[in-house]
Amino acid sequence: MFTLFSMAGIQAVLSTIALMTGMSQLAGSSVIEILTVNGFFFTLFVIAGLLFRNAAEESSYQS
């Protein structure tokens, strides 16, 4: 669970690093593309972390 939230944070850091190093000026990548792709994976990691947290809480109530 915490691993997924950590991965979401790392994804945000990586997108920041990509923008700061000028990756958006290369052919085939723009600021919008970098933010969209990284935002997509950030969202997936956060949703997965929330689902795992919810599943862990439900299993602790049932036992």
PDB file of N, CA and C in Angstrom:
ATOM      1  N   MET A   1       0.835  -1.184   0.000  1.00  0.00           N
ATOM      2  CA  MET A   1       0.000   0.000   0.000  1.00  0.00           C
ATOM      3  C   MET A   1       0.884   1.254   0.000  1.00  0.00           C
ATOM      4  N   PHE A   2       1.833   1.314   0.930  1.00  0.00           N
ATOM      5  CA  PHE A   2       2.687   2.493   0.986  1.00  0.00           C
ATOM      6  C   PHE A   2       3.616   2.556  -0.223  1.00  0.00           C
ATOM      7  N   THR A   3       3.928   1.385  -0.789  1.00  0.00           N
ATOM      8  CA  THR A   3       4.769   1.346  -1.970  1.00  0.00           C
ATOM      9  C   THR A   3       4.086   2.057  -3.136  1.00  0.00           C
ATOM     10  N   LEU A   4       2.781   1.866  -3.274  1.00  0.00           N
ATOM     11  CA  LEU A   4       2.065   2.503  -4.377  1.00  0.00           C
ATOM     12  C   LEU A   4       2.005   4.015  -4.209  1.00  0.00           C
ATOM     13  N   PHE A   5       1.823   4.479  -2.988  1.00  0.00           N
ATOM     14  CA  PHE A   5       1.834   5.925  -2.753  1.00  0.00           C
ATOM     15  C   PHE A   5       3.238   6.495  -2.977  1.00  0.00           C
ATOM     16  N   SER A   6       4.259   5.719  -2.625  1.00  0.00           N
ATOM     17  CA  SER A   6       5.630   6.149  -2.886  1.00  0.00           C
ATOM     18  C   SER A   6       5.893   6.234  -4.387  1.00  0.00           C
ATOM     19  N   MET A   7       5.390   5.248  -5.128  1.00  0.00           N
ATOM     20  CA  MET A   7       5.554   5.273  -6.572  1.00  0.00           C
ATOM     21  C   MET A   7       4.853   6.471  -7.197  1.00  0.00           C
ATOM     22  N   ALA A   8       3.701   6.849  -6.661  1.00  0.00           N
ATOM     23  CA  ALA A   8       3.004   8.030  -7.166  1.00  0.00           C
ATOM     24  C   ALA A   8       3.845   9.281  -6.925  1.00  0.00           C
ATOM     25  N   GLY A   9       4.455   9.366  -5.759  1.00  0.00           N
ATOM     26  CA  GLY A   9       5.329  10.503  -5.459  1.00  0.00           C
ATOM     27  C   GLY A   9       6.551  10.533  -6.360  1.00  0.00           C
ATOM     28  N   ILE A  10       7.131   9.368  -6.595  1.00  0.00           N
ATOM     29  CA  ILE A  10       8.298   9.283  -7.479  1.00  0.00           C
ATOM     30  C   ILE A  10       7.913   9.673  -8.899  1.00  0.00           C
ATOM     31  N   GLN A  11       6.725   9.276  -9.325  1.00  0.00           N
ATOM     32  CA  GLN A  11       6.257   9.648 -10.669  1.00  0.00           C
ATOM     33  C   GLN A  11       6.141  11.164 -10.795  1.00  0.00           C
ATOM     34  N   ALA A  12       5.655  11.817  -9.759  1.00  0.00           N
ATOM     35  CA  ALA A  12       5.556  13.277  -9.785  1.00  0.00           C
ATOM     36  C   ALA A  12       6.943  13.918  -9.826  1.00  0.00           C
ATOM     37  N   VAL A  13       7.872  13.355  -9.067  1.00  0.00           N
ATOM     38  CA  VAL A  13       9.243  13.883  -9.065  1.00  0.00           C
ATOM     39  C   VAL A  13       9.886  13.693 -10.438  1.00  0.00           C
ATOM     40  N   LEU A  14       9.668  12.535 -11.038  1.00  0.00           N
ATOM     41  CA  LEU A  14      10.255  12.273 -12.350  1.00  0.00           C
ATOM     42  C   LEU A  14       9.714  13.215 -13.423  1.00  0.00           C
ATOM     43  N   SER A  15       8.430  13.522 -13.354  1.00  0.00           N
ATOM     44  CA  SER A  15       7.888  14.453 -14.339  1.00  0.00           C
ATOM     45  C   SER A  15       8.469  15.851 -14.135  1.00  0.00           C
ATOM     46  N   THR A  16       8.684  16.231 -12.887  1.00  0.00           N
ATOM     47  CA  THR A  16       9.309  17.522 -12.600  1.00  0.00           C
ATOM     48  C   THR A  16      10.738  17.564 -13.130  1.00  0.00           C
ATOM     49  N   ILE A  17      11.479  16.484 -12.917  1.00  0.00           N
ATOM     50  CA  ILE A  17      12.858  16.409 -13.411  1.00  0.00           C
ATOM     51  C   ILE A  17      12.878  16.457 -14.935  1.00  0.00           C
ATOM     52  N   ALA A  18      11.946  15.746 -15.563  1.00  0.00           N
ATOM     53  CA  ALA A  18      11.891  15.743 -17.034  1.00  0.00           C
ATOM     54  C   ALA A  18      11.639  17.142 -17.573  1.00  0.00           C
ATOM     55  N   LEU A  19      10.781  17.891 -16.923  1.00  0.00           N
ATOM     56  CA  LEU A  19      10.502  19.251 -17.384  1.00  0.00           C
ATOM     57  C   LEU A  19      11.668  20.195 -17.096  1.00  0.00           C
ATOM     58  N   MET A  20      12.327  20.008 -15.957  1.00  0.00           N
ATOM     59  CA  MET A  20      13.442  20.889 -15.599  1.00  0.00           C
ATOM     60  C   MET A  20      14.664  20.660 -16.482  1.00  0.00           C
ATOM     61  N   THR A  21      14.836  19.433 -16.972  1.00  0.00           N
ATOM     62  CA  THR A  21      16.006  19.147 -17.802  1.00  0.00           C
ATOM     63  C   THR A  21      15.764  19.424 -19.277  1.00  0.00           C
ATOM     64  N   GLY A  22      14.581  19.906 -19.616  1.00  0.00           N
ATOM     65  CA  GLY A  22      14.307  20.292 -20.986  1.00  0.00           C
ATOM     66  C   GLY A  22      13.868  19.163 -21.894  1.00  0.00           C
ATOM     67  N   MET A  23      13.363  18.083 -21.327  1.00  0.00           N
ATOM     68  CA  MET A  23      12.902  16.964 -22.154  1.00  0.00           C
ATOM     69  C   MET A  23      11.739  17.365 -23.057  1.00  0.00           C
ATOM     70  N   SER A  24      11.039  18.426 -22.706  1.00  0.00           N
ATOM     71  CA  SER A  24       9.898  18.852 -23.514  1.00  0.00           C
ATOM     72  C   SER A  24      10.330  19.497 -24.826  1.00  0.00           C
ATOM     73  N   GLN A  25      11.600  19.806 -24.951  1.00  0.00           N
ATOM     74  CA  GLN A  25      12.078  20.435 -26.179  1.00  0.00           C
ATOM     75  C   GLN A  25      12.581  19.424 -27.200  1.00  0.00           C
ATOM     76  N   LEU A  26      12.595  18.154 -26.835  1.00  0.00           N
ATOM     77  CA  LEU A  26      12.982  17.114 -27.784  1.00  0.00           C
ATOM     78  C   LEU A  26      11.840  16.852 -28.749  1.00  0.00           C
ATOM     79  N   ALA A  27      12.181  16.322 -29.902  1.00  0.00           N
ATOM     80  CA  ALA A  27      11.152  16.006 -30.895  1.00  0.00           C
ATOM     81  C   ALA A  27      10.245  14.896 -30.366  1.00  0.00           C
ATOM     82  N   GLY A  28       8.949  15.097 -30.482  1.00  0.00           N
ATOM     83  CA  GLY A  28       7.999  14.069 -30.081  1.00  0.00           C
ATOM     84  C   GLY A  28       7.535  14.149 -28.647  1.00  0.00           C
ATOM     85  N   SER A  29       7.974  15.130 -27.891  1.00  0.00           N
ATOM     86  CA  SER A  29       7.485  15.272 -26.521  1.00  0.00           C
ATOM     87  C   SER A  29       7.278  16.747 -26.207  1.00  0.00           C
ATOM     88  N   SER A  30       6.109  17.041 -25.693  1.00  0.00           N
ATOM     89  CA  SER A  30       5.804  18.412 -25.291  1.00  0.00           C
ATOM     90  C   SER A  30       5.466  18.418 -23.803  1.00  0.00           C
ATOM     91  N   VAL A  31       5.294  19.593 -23.259  1.00  0.00           N
ATOM     92  CA  VAL A  31       4.949  19.712 -21.839  1.00  0.00           C
ATOM     93  C   VAL A  31       3.624  19.004 -21.562  1.00  0.00           C
ATOM     94  N   ILE A  32       2.662  19.194 -22.454  1.00  0.00           N
ATOM     95  CA  ILE A  32       1.349  18.567 -22.271  1.00  0.00           C
ATOM     96  C   ILE A  32       1.473  17.051 -22.283  1.00  0.00           C
ATOM     97  N   GLU A  33       2.254  16.503 -23.205  1.00  0.00           N
ATOM     98  CA  GLU A  33       2.422  15.054 -23.287  1.00  0.00           C
ATOM     99  C   GLU A  33       3.100  14.495 -22.044  1.00  0.00           C
ATOM    100  N   ILE A  34       4.141  15.171 -21.581  1.00  0.00           N
ATOM    101  CA  ILE A  34       4.858  14.702 -20.391  1.00  0.00           C
ATOM    102  C   ILE A  34       3.931  14.721 -19.181  1.00  0.00           C
ATOM    103  N   LEU A  35       3.202  15.817 -18.994  1.00  0.00           N
ATOM    104  CA  LEU A  35       2.305  15.914 -17.842  1.00  0.00           C
ATOM    105  C   LEU A  35       1.139  14.941 -17.945  1.00  0.00           C
ATOM    106  N   THR A  36       0.629  14.724 -19.153  1.00  0.00           N
ATOM    107  CA  THR A  36      -0.502  13.821 -19.324  1.00  0.00           C
ATOM    108  C   THR A  36      -0.108  12.375 -19.028  1.00  0.00           C
ATOM    109  N   VAL A  37       0.985  11.932 -19.603  1.00  0.00           N
ATOM    110  CA  VAL A  37       1.416  10.541 -19.395  1.00  0.00           C
ATOM    111  C   VAL A  37       1.788  10.304 -17.934  1.00  0.00           C
ATOM    112  N   ASN A  38       2.564  11.196 -17.361  1.00  0.00           N
ATOM    113  CA  ASN A  38       2.953  11.027 -15.963  1.00  0.00           C
ATOM    114  C   ASN A  38       1.762  11.186 -15.024  1.00  0.00           C
ATOM    115  N   GLY A  39       0.847  12.091 -15.356  1.00  0.00           N
ATOM    116  CA  GLY A  39      -0.365  12.244 -14.551  1.00  0.00           C
ATOM    117  C   GLY A  39      -1.235  11.009 -14.599  1.00  0.00           C
ATOM    118  N   PHE A  40      -1.289  10.350 -15.759  1.00  0.00           N
ATOM    119  CA  PHE A  40      -2.041   9.107 -15.898  1.00  0.00           C
ATOM    120  C   PHE A  40      -1.496   8.038 -14.957  1.00  0.00           C
ATOM    121  N   PHE A  41      -0.178   7.826 -14.986  1.00  0.00           N
ATOM    122  CA  PHE A  41       0.409   6.814 -14.111  1.00  0.00           C
ATOM    123  C   PHE A  41       0.330   7.218 -12.640  1.00  0.00           C
ATOM    124  N   PHE A  42       0.485   8.503 -12.337  1.00  0.00           N
ATOM    125  CA  PHE A  42       0.320   8.991 -10.971  1.00  0.00           C
ATOM    126  C   PHE A  42      -1.070   8.634 -10.452  1.00  0.00           C
ATOM    127  N   THR A  43      -2.078   8.893 -11.280  1.00  0.00           N
ATOM    128  CA  THR A  43      -3.461   8.593 -10.892  1.00  0.00           C
ATOM    129  C   THR A  43      -3.668   7.098 -10.685  1.00  0.00           C
ATOM    130  N   LEU A  44      -3.110   6.280 -11.569  1.00  0.00           N
ATOM    131  CA  LEU A  44      -3.246   4.824 -11.413  1.00  0.00           C
ATOM    132  C   LEU A  44      -2.616   4.338 -10.107  1.00  0.00           C
ATOM    133  N   PHE A  45      -1.433   4.837  -9.780  1.00  0.00           N
ATOM    134  CA  PHE A  45      -0.776   4.426  -8.545  1.00  0.00           C
ATOM    135  C   PHE A  45      -1.586   4.855  -7.315  1.00  0.00           C
ATOM    136  N   VAL A  46      -2.131   6.059  -7.329  1.00  0.00           N
ATOM    137  CA  VAL A  46      -2.921   6.542  -6.193  1.00  0.00           C
ATOM    138  C   VAL A  46      -4.201   5.719  -6.045  1.00  0.00           C
ATOM    139  N   ILE A  47      -4.882   5.455  -7.152  1.00  0.00           N
ATOM    140  CA  ILE A  47      -6.118   4.659  -7.089  1.00  0.00           C
ATOM    141  C   ILE A  47      -5.817   3.254  -6.589  1.00  0.00           C
ATOM    142  N   ALA A  48      -4.746   2.637  -7.082  1.00  0.00           N
ATOM    143  CA  ALA A  48      -4.380   1.297  -6.629  1.00  0.00           C
ATOM    144  C   ALA A  48      -4.039   1.304  -5.134  1.00  0.00           C
ATOM    145  N   GLY A  49      -3.330   2.327  -4.680  1.00  0.00           N
ATOM    146  CA  GLY A  49      -3.014   2.429  -3.256  1.00  0.00           C
ATOM    147  C   GLY A  49      -4.260   2.564  -2.399  1.00  0.00           C
ATOM    148  N   LEU A  50      -5.219   3.356  -2.869  1.00  0.00           N
ATOM    149  CA  LEU A  50      -6.473   3.513  -2.122  1.00  0.00           C
ATOM    150  C   LEU A  50      -7.274   2.221  -2.101  1.00  0.00           C
ATOM    151  N   LEU A  51      -7.282   1.495  -3.215  1.00  0.00           N
ATOM    152  CA  LEU A  51      -7.994   0.223  -3.252  1.00  0.00           C
ATOM    153  C   LEU A  51      -7.356  -0.800  -2.315  1.00  0.00           C
ATOM    154  N   PHE A  52      -6.027  -0.866  -2.295  1.00  0.00           N
ATOM    155  CA  PHE A  52      -5.355  -1.784  -1.383  1.00  0.00           C
ATOM    156  C   PHE A  52      -5.597  -1.395   0.075  1.00  0.00           C
ATOM    157  N   ARG A  53      -5.596  -0.099   0.353  1.00  0.00           N
ATOM    158  CA  ARG A  53      -5.866   0.346   1.719  1.00  0.00           C
ATOM    159  C   ARG A  53      -7.277  -0.022   2.140  1.00  0.00           C
ATOM    160  N   ASN A  54      -8.233   0.158   1.235  1.00  0.00           N
ATOM    161  CA  ASN A  54      -9.614  -0.198   1.515  1.00  0.00           C
ATOM    162  C   ASN A  54      -9.747  -1.705   1.744  1.00  0.00           C
ATOM    163  N   ALA A  55      -9.076  -2.512   0.930  1.00  0.00           N
ATOM    164  CA  ALA A  55      -9.126  -3.962   1.088  1.00  0.00           C
ATOM    165  C   ALA A  55      -8.491  -4.393   2.404  1.00  0.00           C
ATOM    166  N   ALA A  56      -7.410  -3.733   2.804  1.00  0.00           N
ATOM    167  CA  ALA A  56      -6.755  -4.081   4.067  1.00  0.00           C
ATOM    168  C   ALA A  56      -7.636  -3.733   5.258  1.00  0.00           C
ATOM    169  N   GLU A  57      -8.332  -2.614   5.181  1.00  0.00           N
ATOM    170  CA  GLU A  57      -9.226  -2.233   6.275  1.00  0.00           C
ATOM    171  C   GLU A  57     -10.411  -3.177   6.374  1.00  0.00           C
ATOM    172  N   GLU A  58     -10.958  -3.594   5.239  1.00  0.00           N
ATOM    173  CA  GLU A  58     -12.083  -4.520   5.254  1.00  0.00           C
ATOM    174  C   GLU A  58     -11.683  -5.878   5.776  1.00  0.00           C
ATOM    175  N   SER A  59     -10.488  -6.350   5.444  1.00  0.00           N
ATOM    176  CA  SER A  59     -10.052  -7.663   5.923  1.00  0.00           C
ATOM    177  C   SER A  59      -9.762  -7.630   7.423  1.00  0.00           C
ATOM    178  N   SER A  60      -9.350  -6.471   7.948  1.00  0.00           N
ATOM    179  CA  SER A  60      -9.104  -6.396   9.398  1.00  0.00           C
ATOM    180  C   SER A  60     -10.401  -6.344  10.176  1.00  0.00           C
ATOM    181  N   TYR A  61     -11.465  -5.825   9.576  1.00  0.00           N
ATOM    182  CA  TYR A  61     -12.769  -5.812  10.248  1.00  0.00           C
ATOM    183  C   TYR A  61     -13.393  -7.200  10.267  1.00  0.00           C
ATOM    184  N   GLN A  62     -13.135  -8.014   9.266  1.00  0.00           N
ATOM    185  CA  GLN A  62     -13.750  -9.325   9.177  1.00  0.00           C
ATOM    186  C   GLN A  62     -13.047 -10.345  10.049  1.00  0.00           C
ATOM    187  N   SER A  63     -11.799 -10.124  10.430  1.00  0.00           N
ATOM    188  CA  SER A  63     -11.109 -11.125  11.232  1.00  0.00           C
ATOM    189  C   SER A  63     -11.221 -10.873  12.705  1.00  0.00           C
TER     190      SER A  63
END
